[in-house]
N, C-alpha and C. Protein backbone atom coordinates (compact mmCIF):
# COMPACT_ATOMS: atom_id res chain seq x y z
N VAL A 1 28.42 119.30 -135.87
CA VAL A 1 27.95 118.16 -135.78
C VAL A 1 26.88 118.18 -137.11
N GLN A 2 27.27 116.90 -137.41
CA GLN A 2 25.82 116.71 -138.71
C GLN A 2 26.23 115.35 -138.75
N LEU A 3 25.09 114.52 -139.14
CA LEU A 3 24.44 113.47 -139.29
C LEU A 3 23.78 112.84 -140.52
N VAL A 4 24.05 112.33 -141.81
CA VAL A 4 23.37 112.62 -142.70
C VAL A 4 22.87 111.49 -143.45
N GLU A 5 21.69 111.08 -142.88
CA GLU A 5 21.50 109.46 -144.42
C GLU A 5 21.44 109.54 -145.41
N SER A 6 21.49 108.14 -145.91
CA SER A 6 20.88 108.30 -147.56
C SER A 6 20.62 106.23 -147.37
N GLY A 7 20.59 106.14 -148.19
CA GLY A 7 20.13 104.66 -148.69
C GLY A 7 18.40 104.18 -148.70
N GLY A 8 17.82 105.28 -148.09
CA GLY A 8 16.60 104.74 -148.55
C GLY A 8 15.66 104.40 -149.76
N GLY A 9 14.98 104.39 -149.80
CA GLY A 9 14.27 103.61 -151.78
C GLY A 9 13.09 102.95 -151.37
N LEU A 10 12.65 102.62 -152.09
CA LEU A 10 11.34 101.46 -152.64
C LEU A 10 12.33 99.99 -152.76
N VAL A 11 11.43 98.89 -152.10
CA VAL A 11 11.38 98.42 -152.46
C VAL A 11 10.78 97.17 -151.95
N GLN A 12 10.87 96.12 -152.83
CA GLN A 12 9.89 94.98 -152.53
C GLN A 12 9.67 94.13 -150.62
N ALA A 13 8.95 93.29 -149.98
CA ALA A 13 9.02 93.14 -149.15
C ALA A 13 9.61 91.47 -149.26
N GLY A 14 10.53 91.24 -148.51
CA GLY A 14 11.86 90.41 -148.68
C GLY A 14 13.02 90.62 -149.54
N GLY A 15 13.06 91.77 -149.36
CA GLY A 15 14.42 92.25 -150.45
C GLY A 15 15.50 93.17 -149.21
N SER A 16 16.22 94.07 -149.74
CA SER A 16 17.20 94.30 -148.51
C SER A 16 17.59 96.04 -149.03
N LEU A 17 18.22 96.28 -147.80
CA LEU A 17 18.41 97.93 -148.18
C LEU A 17 19.96 98.23 -147.09
N ARG A 18 21.02 99.21 -147.70
CA ARG A 18 21.66 99.39 -146.65
C ARG A 18 21.73 100.72 -146.14
N LEU A 19 21.60 100.88 -145.32
CA LEU A 19 21.69 102.50 -144.54
C LEU A 19 22.52 103.04 -144.59
N SER A 20 23.05 104.38 -145.05
CA SER A 20 24.13 105.17 -144.48
C SER A 20 24.25 106.50 -143.20
N CYS A 21 25.14 106.16 -142.64
CA CYS A 21 24.48 108.06 -141.88
C CYS A 21 25.88 108.13 -141.83
N ALA A 22 26.57 109.30 -143.02
CA ALA A 22 27.38 109.85 -142.37
C ALA A 22 27.80 110.91 -141.21
N TYR A 23 28.80 110.75 -140.42
CA TYR A 23 28.76 111.59 -139.49
C TYR A 23 30.06 112.40 -139.35
N SER A 24 29.73 113.73 -138.60
CA SER A 24 31.15 114.81 -139.07
C SER A 24 32.32 114.07 -138.14
N LYS A 25 33.70 114.67 -137.82
CA LYS A 25 34.48 114.40 -137.09
C LYS A 25 34.26 114.39 -136.01
N ARG A 26 33.42 115.60 -135.61
CA ARG A 26 33.31 115.87 -134.03
C ARG A 26 32.17 114.80 -133.04
N ILE A 27 32.97 114.29 -133.72
CA ILE A 27 31.15 112.99 -133.75
C ILE A 27 32.09 111.76 -132.81
N SER A 28 32.01 111.89 -131.55
CA SER A 28 33.28 110.58 -131.15
C SER A 28 32.78 109.26 -131.38
N TRP A 29 33.48 107.70 -132.30
CA TRP A 29 33.09 107.24 -132.01
C TRP A 29 33.00 106.11 -130.65
N ARG A 30 33.50 106.60 -130.09
CA ARG A 30 33.57 106.03 -128.30
C ARG A 30 32.45 106.32 -127.89
N LYS A 31 31.31 107.46 -128.45
CA LYS A 31 29.70 107.00 -127.99
C LYS A 31 29.18 105.98 -128.41
N ALA A 32 27.78 105.31 -128.46
CA ALA A 32 27.07 104.88 -129.11
C ALA A 32 26.39 105.84 -130.02
N MET A 33 26.21 104.92 -131.35
CA MET A 33 25.66 105.52 -131.54
C MET A 33 24.35 104.57 -132.16
N SER A 34 23.04 105.36 -133.17
CA SER A 34 21.77 104.24 -132.67
C SER A 34 20.88 104.62 -134.84
N TRP A 35 19.83 104.06 -134.37
CA TRP A 35 19.33 103.90 -135.61
C TRP A 35 17.69 103.82 -134.66
N TYR A 36 16.96 105.00 -135.67
CA TYR A 36 15.38 104.39 -135.05
C TYR A 36 14.82 105.74 -136.65
N ARG A 37 13.40 104.55 -136.56
CA ARG A 37 12.19 105.01 -137.17
C ARG A 37 11.04 105.63 -136.49
N GLN A 38 10.81 106.00 -137.73
CA GLN A 38 8.53 106.68 -137.38
C GLN A 38 8.39 106.19 -138.36
N ALA A 39 7.04 105.58 -138.29
CA ALA A 39 6.16 105.44 -139.07
C ALA A 39 5.07 106.50 -139.38
N PRO A 40 4.06 106.25 -140.35
CA PRO A 40 3.39 107.31 -140.36
C PRO A 40 2.40 106.89 -139.68
N GLY A 41 2.22 107.82 -138.58
CA GLY A 41 1.20 108.22 -137.40
C GLY A 41 1.47 107.04 -136.70
N SER A 42 3.22 107.41 -136.35
CA SER A 42 3.87 106.57 -135.56
C SER A 42 4.27 107.34 -134.28
N GLN A 43 4.69 106.76 -133.05
CA GLN A 43 6.15 107.50 -132.49
C GLN A 43 7.22 107.17 -133.12
N ARG A 44 7.91 107.64 -133.10
CA ARG A 44 10.11 107.36 -133.05
C ARG A 44 10.23 106.40 -132.03
N GLU A 45 10.12 104.76 -132.62
CA GLU A 45 11.00 103.70 -132.02
C GLU A 45 12.68 103.88 -132.59
N PHE A 46 12.84 103.02 -131.12
CA PHE A 46 14.60 101.93 -131.30
C PHE A 46 15.02 101.19 -132.49
N VAL A 47 15.67 101.43 -133.20
CA VAL A 47 15.79 100.42 -134.30
C VAL A 47 17.05 99.22 -133.72
N ALA A 48 17.91 100.10 -134.07
CA ALA A 48 19.79 99.63 -132.66
C ALA A 48 20.49 100.08 -132.67
N ARG A 49 21.43 99.49 -131.75
CA ARG A 49 22.80 100.70 -130.89
C ARG A 49 23.63 99.88 -131.20
N ILE A 50 24.77 100.70 -131.23
CA ILE A 50 26.40 100.38 -131.28
C ILE A 50 26.91 101.45 -130.28
N ALA A 51 27.72 100.48 -129.16
CA ALA A 51 28.40 101.37 -128.48
C ALA A 51 29.82 101.17 -128.56
N GLY A 52 30.72 101.87 -127.45
CA GLY A 52 31.56 102.47 -128.56
C GLY A 52 32.48 101.69 -128.67
N ASP A 53 32.15 100.46 -127.66
CA ASP A 53 32.91 99.11 -127.89
C ASP A 53 32.46 98.23 -128.59
N GLY A 54 31.93 99.04 -129.41
CA GLY A 54 30.73 97.77 -130.87
C GLY A 54 30.06 96.47 -130.29
N SER A 55 29.86 96.49 -129.23
CA SER A 55 29.05 95.63 -128.63
C SER A 55 27.64 96.57 -129.34
N THR A 56 26.17 95.76 -129.51
CA THR A 56 25.36 95.94 -130.40
C THR A 56 24.16 95.47 -129.74
N ASN A 57 22.93 96.22 -129.84
CA ASN A 57 21.74 95.26 -129.17
C ASN A 57 20.10 96.49 -130.62
N TYR A 58 19.67 95.09 -130.44
CA TYR A 58 18.60 95.68 -131.19
C TYR A 58 17.50 95.61 -130.88
N ALA A 59 16.19 96.32 -131.25
CA ALA A 59 14.95 95.76 -131.50
C ALA A 59 14.47 94.70 -131.48
N ASP A 60 13.17 93.84 -130.60
CA ASP A 60 12.98 92.31 -131.11
C ASP A 60 12.55 92.57 -132.08
N SER A 61 11.92 93.10 -133.43
CA SER A 61 11.37 93.80 -134.56
C SER A 61 12.46 93.18 -135.55
N VAL A 62 13.50 93.54 -135.13
CA VAL A 62 14.15 93.79 -136.41
C VAL A 62 15.73 92.46 -136.05
N LYS A 63 15.66 92.09 -135.00
CA LYS A 63 16.21 91.28 -134.34
C LYS A 63 16.71 90.00 -135.94
N GLY A 64 17.72 90.07 -136.05
CA GLY A 64 17.91 88.20 -137.28
C GLY A 64 17.64 89.16 -138.78
N ARG A 65 17.45 90.29 -138.80
CA ARG A 65 17.31 90.75 -139.56
C ARG A 65 17.83 91.87 -140.31
N PHE A 66 17.88 92.54 -139.28
CA PHE A 66 19.00 94.16 -139.47
C PHE A 66 20.64 93.64 -138.34
N THR A 67 21.20 94.33 -139.50
CA THR A 67 22.80 94.49 -138.53
C THR A 67 23.31 95.91 -138.40
N ILE A 68 23.42 96.14 -137.19
CA ILE A 68 24.39 97.89 -137.74
C ILE A 68 25.51 97.80 -137.34
N SER A 69 26.71 98.41 -137.86
CA SER A 69 27.56 98.81 -137.86
C SER A 69 28.10 100.32 -138.28
N ARG A 70 29.61 100.31 -138.25
CA ARG A 70 30.34 101.38 -138.30
C ARG A 70 30.96 101.05 -139.13
N ASP A 71 32.23 102.60 -139.57
CA ASP A 71 33.30 102.13 -140.05
C ASP A 71 33.91 103.22 -139.56
N ILE A 72 34.68 103.23 -138.88
CA ILE A 72 36.09 104.74 -137.77
C ILE A 72 36.19 105.59 -139.14
N ALA A 73 36.96 104.74 -139.79
CA ALA A 73 37.63 105.96 -140.80
C ALA A 73 37.46 106.13 -141.74
N LYS A 74 35.61 105.59 -141.71
CA LYS A 74 34.98 107.05 -143.12
C LYS A 74 34.28 107.58 -142.90
N ASN A 75 33.98 107.90 -141.03
CA ASN A 75 33.12 108.39 -139.94
C ASN A 75 31.65 107.70 -140.80
N THR A 76 31.08 107.18 -140.43
CA THR A 76 29.45 106.52 -141.10
C THR A 76 29.32 104.79 -140.06
N LEU A 77 28.00 105.17 -140.39
CA LEU A 77 27.11 103.92 -139.35
C LEU A 77 26.64 103.11 -140.56
N TYR A 78 26.23 102.37 -140.23
CA TYR A 78 25.27 101.57 -141.33
C TYR A 78 24.18 101.30 -141.07
N LEU A 79 23.14 100.49 -141.81
CA LEU A 79 22.19 99.81 -141.03
C LEU A 79 21.86 98.15 -141.97
N GLN A 80 21.67 97.82 -142.07
CA GLN A 80 21.77 97.15 -143.56
C GLN A 80 20.56 95.47 -143.03
N MET A 81 19.76 96.12 -144.03
CA MET A 81 18.89 95.25 -143.72
C MET A 81 17.86 94.58 -144.59
N ASP A 82 17.64 92.94 -144.14
CA ASP A 82 17.57 92.10 -145.23
C ASP A 82 16.34 91.37 -144.64
N ASN A 83 15.54 90.86 -145.56
CA ASN A 83 13.96 90.61 -145.29
C ASN A 83 12.91 90.65 -144.79
N LEU A 84 13.30 92.68 -145.39
CA LEU A 84 12.43 93.33 -145.43
C LEU A 84 10.30 92.93 -145.36
N GLU A 85 9.63 93.49 -144.50
CA GLU A 85 8.76 93.49 -144.46
C GLU A 85 8.18 94.77 -145.05
N PRO A 86 7.06 95.44 -145.40
CA PRO A 86 5.48 96.08 -145.14
C PRO A 86 5.69 97.04 -143.54
N ASP A 87 5.87 96.12 -142.63
CA ASP A 87 5.90 96.82 -141.78
C ASP A 87 6.97 97.66 -141.16
N ASP A 88 8.21 98.14 -142.21
CA ASP A 88 9.52 98.23 -141.83
C ASP A 88 9.40 99.72 -142.40
N THR A 89 8.17 99.76 -143.48
CA THR A 89 7.80 100.92 -143.97
C THR A 89 8.42 101.86 -143.20
N ALA A 90 9.14 103.27 -142.80
CA ALA A 90 8.96 104.81 -142.30
C ALA A 90 10.19 105.26 -142.72
N ILE A 91 11.02 106.38 -141.90
CA ILE A 91 11.15 107.26 -142.20
C ILE A 91 12.61 107.14 -140.94
N TYR A 92 14.04 106.64 -141.02
CA TYR A 92 15.16 106.07 -140.04
C TYR A 92 15.89 107.58 -140.06
N TYR A 93 16.08 106.98 -138.85
CA TYR A 93 17.52 107.81 -138.03
C TYR A 93 18.35 108.24 -137.29
N CYS A 94 19.03 108.69 -137.72
CA CYS A 94 20.71 108.21 -136.83
C CYS A 94 20.21 108.97 -135.87
N ASN A 95 21.07 108.41 -135.02
CA ASN A 95 21.25 109.91 -133.56
C ASN A 95 22.65 109.17 -132.63
N THR A 96 23.39 110.15 -132.13
CA THR A 96 24.12 109.36 -131.26
C THR A 96 24.33 111.21 -129.84
N ILE A 97 24.41 110.81 -128.72
CA ILE A 97 24.51 111.61 -127.60
C ILE A 97 25.25 111.55 -127.66
N GLN A 98 26.28 112.81 -127.24
CA GLN A 98 27.58 113.47 -127.51
C GLN A 98 26.99 114.29 -126.12
N ARG A 99 27.58 115.52 -126.17
CA ARG A 99 27.78 116.21 -125.06
C ARG A 99 25.64 116.04 -125.55
N PHE A 100 25.90 116.63 -126.30
CA PHE A 100 23.97 116.82 -126.23
C PHE A 100 23.39 115.55 -127.51
N THR A 101 22.41 115.57 -128.17
CA THR A 101 21.28 114.56 -128.71
C THR A 101 21.42 115.35 -129.81
N TYR A 102 21.76 114.30 -131.17
CA TYR A 102 22.25 114.81 -132.46
C TYR A 102 21.28 113.86 -132.71
N TRP A 103 20.53 114.19 -134.18
CA TRP A 103 19.96 113.62 -134.99
C TRP A 103 19.94 113.74 -136.06
N GLY A 104 20.03 113.09 -137.50
CA GLY A 104 19.98 113.26 -138.35
C GLY A 104 18.33 113.57 -139.20
N ARG A 105 18.45 114.62 -140.31
CA ARG A 105 17.08 113.98 -141.12
C ARG A 105 16.13 113.27 -140.62
N GLY A 106 16.68 112.06 -141.65
CA GLY A 106 16.08 110.84 -142.16
C GLY A 106 15.44 110.39 -143.38
N THR A 107 15.98 109.19 -143.64
CA THR A 107 15.87 108.72 -145.05
C THR A 107 14.30 108.11 -144.91
N LEU A 108 13.81 107.89 -146.46
CA LEU A 108 12.73 107.21 -146.16
C LEU A 108 12.62 105.79 -147.15
N VAL A 109 12.17 104.67 -146.07
CA VAL A 109 12.79 103.47 -146.32
C VAL A 109 10.61 103.03 -146.69
N THR A 110 10.12 102.47 -148.06
CA THR A 110 8.97 101.93 -148.09
C THR A 110 9.38 100.44 -149.01
N VAL A 111 8.62 100.08 -148.37
CA VAL A 111 8.64 98.81 -147.89
C VAL A 111 6.99 97.34 -148.97
N SER A 112 7.53 98.32 -150.27
CA SER A 112 5.90 97.20 -150.75
C SER A 112 6.07 96.06 -151.07
N SER A 113 3.93 95.30 -150.61
CA SER A 113 3.85 93.89 -150.29
C SER A 113 3.49 93.26 -151.55
């Protein structure tokens, strides 16, 4: 089972990025998939989640700015991040709980002021 994130980079405040998480076919899209992030010196925190039925929920800090989605045919999870702020700087991780809990290795997002 693999989760591979991509799409991170350096962006100015107010800019946008779209993260992708490619997952192996053994992952069932019927289970929820999530994005988490970990800023330097901080604990990993929840960002967004999409359930098997497509319903979504977000951390208050990103609500209205980030959008989680998926392409089932492409086995890919996305996180569209708009109006980025310096506090969004972190390593972003893809996560799913199937029979076990799986994490990707992360992709770094840096937002400059």
